[in-house]
Amino acid sequence: MQKNELNFLEMKKNIGSADRIIRVIIAAIIGVLYFTGTITGTLGIVLLVFAVLLILTSAVSFCPVFRLFGINSCSLKEKK
């Protein structure tokens, strides 16, 4: 691979602490709504997959969508 390709594959933190907390809260709400039967069917499954993605991205502090649009909610201290 060339150096440009490696830079694209690098996962640098781009999710800050506040953003991570918000993602976990939203995922928890979706999970509770799904498992209590408030949201069901296809919409429920799609939202549950979305909640899992929110948890995963907050766990690794990296969001590919943020990278795509050049968004970074990580403070300078957190990037280290």
N, C-alpha and C. Protein backbone atom coordinates (compact mmCIF):
# COMPACT_ATOMS: atom_id res chain seq x y z
N MET A 1 0.84 -1.20 0.00
CA MET A 1 0.00 0.00 0.00
C MET A 1 0.88 1.25 0.00
N GLN A 2 0.35 2.28 -0.58
CA GLN A 2 1.06 3.54 -0.60
C GLN A 2 0.76 4.33 0.66
N LYS A 3 1.57 5.34 0.92
CA LYS A 3 1.42 6.14 2.13
C LYS A 3 0.05 6.81 2.20
N ASN A 4 -0.50 7.27 1.09
CA ASN A 4 -1.83 7.91 1.08
C ASN A 4 -2.91 6.94 1.52
N GLU A 5 -2.80 5.69 1.09
CA GLU A 5 -3.79 4.68 1.46
C GLU A 5 -3.73 4.39 2.94
N LEU A 6 -2.51 4.36 3.50
CA LEU A 6 -2.36 4.11 4.93
C LEU A 6 -2.97 5.24 5.76
N ASN A 7 -2.80 6.47 5.31
CA ASN A 7 -3.38 7.60 6.04
C ASN A 7 -4.90 7.51 6.08
N PHE A 8 -5.49 7.05 4.99
CA PHE A 8 -6.94 6.92 4.94
C PHE A 8 -7.42 5.85 5.92
N LEU A 9 -6.64 4.79 6.09
CA LEU A 9 -7.03 3.69 6.95
C LEU A 9 -6.76 3.95 8.43
N GLU A 10 -5.97 4.97 8.75
CA GLU A 10 -5.68 5.28 10.14
C GLU A 10 -6.94 5.73 10.86
N MET A 11 -7.11 5.22 12.07
CA MET A 11 -8.27 5.61 12.87
C MET A 11 -7.80 6.52 13.99
N LYS A 12 -7.87 7.81 13.77
CA LYS A 12 -7.53 8.78 14.81
C LYS A 12 -8.81 9.17 15.53
N LYS A 13 -8.69 9.44 16.81
CA LYS A 13 -9.87 9.84 17.58
C LYS A 13 -10.51 11.06 16.96
N ASN A 14 -11.83 11.00 16.80
CA ASN A 14 -12.56 12.17 16.32
C ASN A 14 -13.89 12.34 17.07
N ILE A 15 -14.03 11.61 18.18
CA ILE A 15 -15.23 11.73 19.00
C ILE A 15 -14.80 12.14 20.41
N GLY A 16 -15.32 13.25 20.88
CA GLY A 16 -15.00 13.74 22.21
C GLY A 16 -15.82 13.07 23.30
N SER A 17 -15.49 13.41 24.54
CA SER A 17 -16.14 12.79 25.70
C SER A 17 -17.64 13.06 25.73
N ALA A 18 -18.03 14.30 25.50
CA ALA A 18 -19.46 14.64 25.53
C ALA A 18 -20.22 13.90 24.44
N ASP A 19 -19.62 13.82 23.26
CA ASP A 19 -20.25 13.11 22.15
C ASP A 19 -20.39 11.62 22.47
N ARG A 20 -19.39 11.03 23.10
CA ARG A 20 -19.45 9.61 23.48
C ARG A 20 -20.58 9.37 24.47
N ILE A 21 -20.72 10.24 25.44
CA ILE A 21 -21.78 10.10 26.45
C ILE A 21 -23.15 10.19 25.80
N ILE A 22 -23.31 11.16 24.91
CA ILE A 22 -24.59 11.34 24.21
C ILE A 22 -24.93 10.11 23.38
N ARG A 23 -23.93 9.54 22.69
CA ARG A 23 -24.16 8.35 21.88
C ARG A 23 -24.60 7.16 22.74
N VAL A 24 -23.97 6.99 23.90
CA VAL A 24 -24.34 5.88 24.78
C VAL A 24 -25.76 6.07 25.32
N ILE A 25 -26.11 7.30 25.69
CA ILE A 25 -27.46 7.58 26.20
C ILE A 25 -28.51 7.29 25.12
N ILE A 26 -28.26 7.75 23.90
CA ILE A 26 -29.20 7.51 22.80
C ILE A 26 -29.33 6.01 22.53
N ALA A 27 -28.20 5.29 22.54
CA ALA A 27 -28.23 3.84 22.31
C ALA A 27 -29.01 3.14 23.42
N ALA A 28 -28.83 3.58 24.65
CA ALA A 28 -29.55 2.97 25.77
C ALA A 28 -31.05 3.20 25.65
N ILE A 29 -31.44 4.40 25.26
CA ILE A 29 -32.86 4.71 25.08
C ILE A 29 -33.46 3.83 23.98
N ILE A 30 -32.74 3.71 22.86
CA ILE A 30 -33.23 2.86 21.77
C ILE A 30 -33.34 1.41 22.24
N GLY A 31 -32.35 0.94 22.98
CA GLY A 31 -32.38 -0.43 23.49
C GLY A 31 -33.57 -0.68 24.40
N VAL A 32 -33.82 0.25 25.30
CA VAL A 32 -34.96 0.11 26.22
C VAL A 32 -36.28 0.11 25.45
N LEU A 33 -36.41 1.03 24.50
CA LEU A 33 -37.64 1.09 23.70
C LEU A 33 -37.85 -0.19 22.89
N TYR A 34 -36.77 -0.76 22.37
CA TYR A 34 -36.89 -1.99 21.59
C TYR A 34 -37.26 -3.17 22.48
N PHE A 35 -36.57 -3.33 23.59
CA PHE A 35 -36.81 -4.51 24.43
C PHE A 35 -38.08 -4.41 25.27
N THR A 36 -38.68 -3.23 25.38
CA THR A 36 -39.98 -3.11 26.04
C THR A 36 -41.12 -3.23 25.03
N GLY A 37 -40.77 -3.33 23.74
CA GLY A 37 -41.80 -3.51 22.72
C GLY A 37 -42.41 -2.21 22.22
N THR A 38 -41.83 -1.08 22.60
CA THR A 38 -42.36 0.20 22.14
C THR A 38 -42.08 0.41 20.65
N ILE A 39 -40.89 0.03 20.22
CA ILE A 39 -40.58 0.05 18.79
C ILE A 39 -40.37 -1.39 18.34
N THR A 40 -41.04 -1.76 17.27
CA THR A 40 -40.99 -3.15 16.82
C THR A 40 -40.82 -3.20 15.30
N GLY A 41 -40.76 -4.39 14.79
CA GLY A 41 -40.70 -4.60 13.34
C GLY A 41 -39.39 -4.14 12.74
N THR A 42 -39.47 -3.79 11.47
CA THR A 42 -38.29 -3.38 10.72
C THR A 42 -37.65 -2.14 11.32
N LEU A 43 -38.47 -1.18 11.70
CA LEU A 43 -37.95 0.05 12.31
C LEU A 43 -37.19 -0.27 13.59
N GLY A 44 -37.73 -1.17 14.38
CA GLY A 44 -37.07 -1.56 15.62
C GLY A 44 -35.72 -2.19 15.37
N ILE A 45 -35.63 -3.06 14.38
CA ILE A 45 -34.37 -3.72 14.06
C ILE A 45 -33.35 -2.72 13.53
N VAL A 46 -33.80 -1.83 12.65
CA VAL A 46 -32.90 -0.80 12.11
C VAL A 46 -32.37 0.09 13.23
N LEU A 47 -33.24 0.50 14.13
CA LEU A 47 -32.81 1.35 15.24
C LEU A 47 -31.89 0.59 16.20
N LEU A 48 -32.13 -0.69 16.38
CA LEU A 48 -31.26 -1.49 17.24
C LEU A 48 -29.86 -1.62 16.62
N VAL A 49 -29.78 -1.81 15.32
CA VAL A 49 -28.48 -1.85 14.64
C VAL A 49 -27.79 -0.50 14.77
N PHE A 50 -28.55 0.57 14.62
CA PHE A 50 -28.01 1.93 14.78
C PHE A 50 -27.46 2.12 16.20
N ALA A 51 -28.17 1.61 17.19
CA ALA A 51 -27.73 1.72 18.58
C ALA A 51 -26.42 0.96 18.79
N VAL A 52 -26.29 -0.21 18.18
CA VAL A 52 -25.04 -0.97 18.29
C VAL A 52 -23.89 -0.20 17.65
N LEU A 53 -24.15 0.42 16.52
CA LEU A 53 -23.12 1.23 15.86
C LEU A 53 -22.72 2.43 16.74
N LEU A 54 -23.69 3.03 17.41
CA LEU A 54 -23.37 4.14 18.31
C LEU A 54 -22.47 3.68 19.45
N ILE A 55 -22.77 2.51 20.00
CA ILE A 55 -21.95 1.96 21.09
C ILE A 55 -20.54 1.66 20.59
N LEU A 56 -20.42 1.03 19.43
CA LEU A 56 -19.11 0.68 18.90
C LEU A 56 -18.27 1.92 18.61
N THR A 57 -18.88 2.92 17.98
CA THR A 57 -18.11 4.12 17.65
C THR A 57 -17.71 4.89 18.91
N SER A 58 -18.54 4.87 19.93
CA SER A 58 -18.15 5.55 21.17
C SER A 58 -17.09 4.76 21.92
N ALA A 59 -17.08 3.44 21.77
CA ALA A 59 -16.07 2.62 22.44
C ALA A 59 -14.67 2.84 21.86
N VAL A 60 -14.58 3.04 20.55
CA VAL A 60 -13.28 3.24 19.91
C VAL A 60 -12.96 4.71 19.66
N SER A 61 -13.88 5.59 20.00
CA SER A 61 -13.70 7.05 19.83
C SER A 61 -13.42 7.45 18.39
N PHE A 62 -13.98 6.70 17.45
CA PHE A 62 -13.79 7.01 16.04
C PHE A 62 -15.09 6.79 15.29
N CYS A 63 -15.47 7.77 14.48
CA CYS A 63 -16.68 7.67 13.68
C CYS A 63 -16.30 7.88 12.21
N PRO A 64 -16.50 6.86 11.37
CA PRO A 64 -16.17 7.00 9.95
C PRO A 64 -16.95 8.12 9.26
N VAL A 65 -18.18 8.35 9.67
CA VAL A 65 -18.98 9.42 9.06
C VAL A 65 -18.38 10.78 9.40
N PHE A 66 -17.93 10.95 10.64
CA PHE A 66 -17.26 12.19 11.02
C PHE A 66 -16.02 12.39 10.16
N ARG A 67 -15.27 11.31 9.95
CA ARG A 67 -14.05 11.38 9.14
C ARG A 67 -14.38 11.79 7.71
N LEU A 68 -15.46 11.23 7.17
CA LEU A 68 -15.88 11.52 5.81
C LEU A 68 -16.18 13.01 5.62
N PHE A 69 -16.84 13.62 6.61
CA PHE A 69 -17.23 15.02 6.52
C PHE A 69 -16.24 15.97 7.20
N GLY A 70 -15.15 15.44 7.76
CA GLY A 70 -14.14 16.29 8.38
C GLY A 70 -14.55 16.84 9.72
N ILE A 71 -15.46 16.18 10.40
CA ILE A 71 -15.95 16.63 11.71
C ILE A 71 -15.07 16.02 12.79
N ASN A 72 -14.77 16.82 13.82
CA ASN A 72 -13.99 16.33 14.94
C ASN A 72 -14.52 16.97 16.21
N SER A 73 -15.10 16.19 17.11
CA SER A 73 -15.63 16.73 18.36
C SER A 73 -14.67 16.47 19.52
N CYS A 74 -13.46 16.03 19.19
CA CYS A 74 -12.45 15.70 20.18
C CYS A 74 -11.65 16.95 20.51
N SER A 75 -11.45 17.23 21.82
CA SER A 75 -10.64 18.38 22.20
C SER A 75 -9.17 18.07 21.98
N LEU A 76 -8.33 19.08 22.02
CA LEU A 76 -6.91 18.88 21.78
C LEU A 76 -6.28 17.95 22.82
N LYS A 77 -6.73 18.01 24.07
CA LYS A 77 -6.21 17.15 25.13
C LYS A 77 -6.53 15.69 24.86
N GLU A 78 -7.73 15.41 24.35
CA GLU A 78 -8.18 14.04 24.13
C GLU A 78 -7.51 13.38 22.95
N LYS A 79 -6.96 14.15 22.01
CA LYS A 79 -6.36 13.58 20.80
C LYS A 79 -5.07 12.83 21.10
N LYS A 80 -4.43 13.12 22.20
CA LYS A 80 -3.14 12.50 22.52
C LYS A 80 -3.27 11.07 22.88
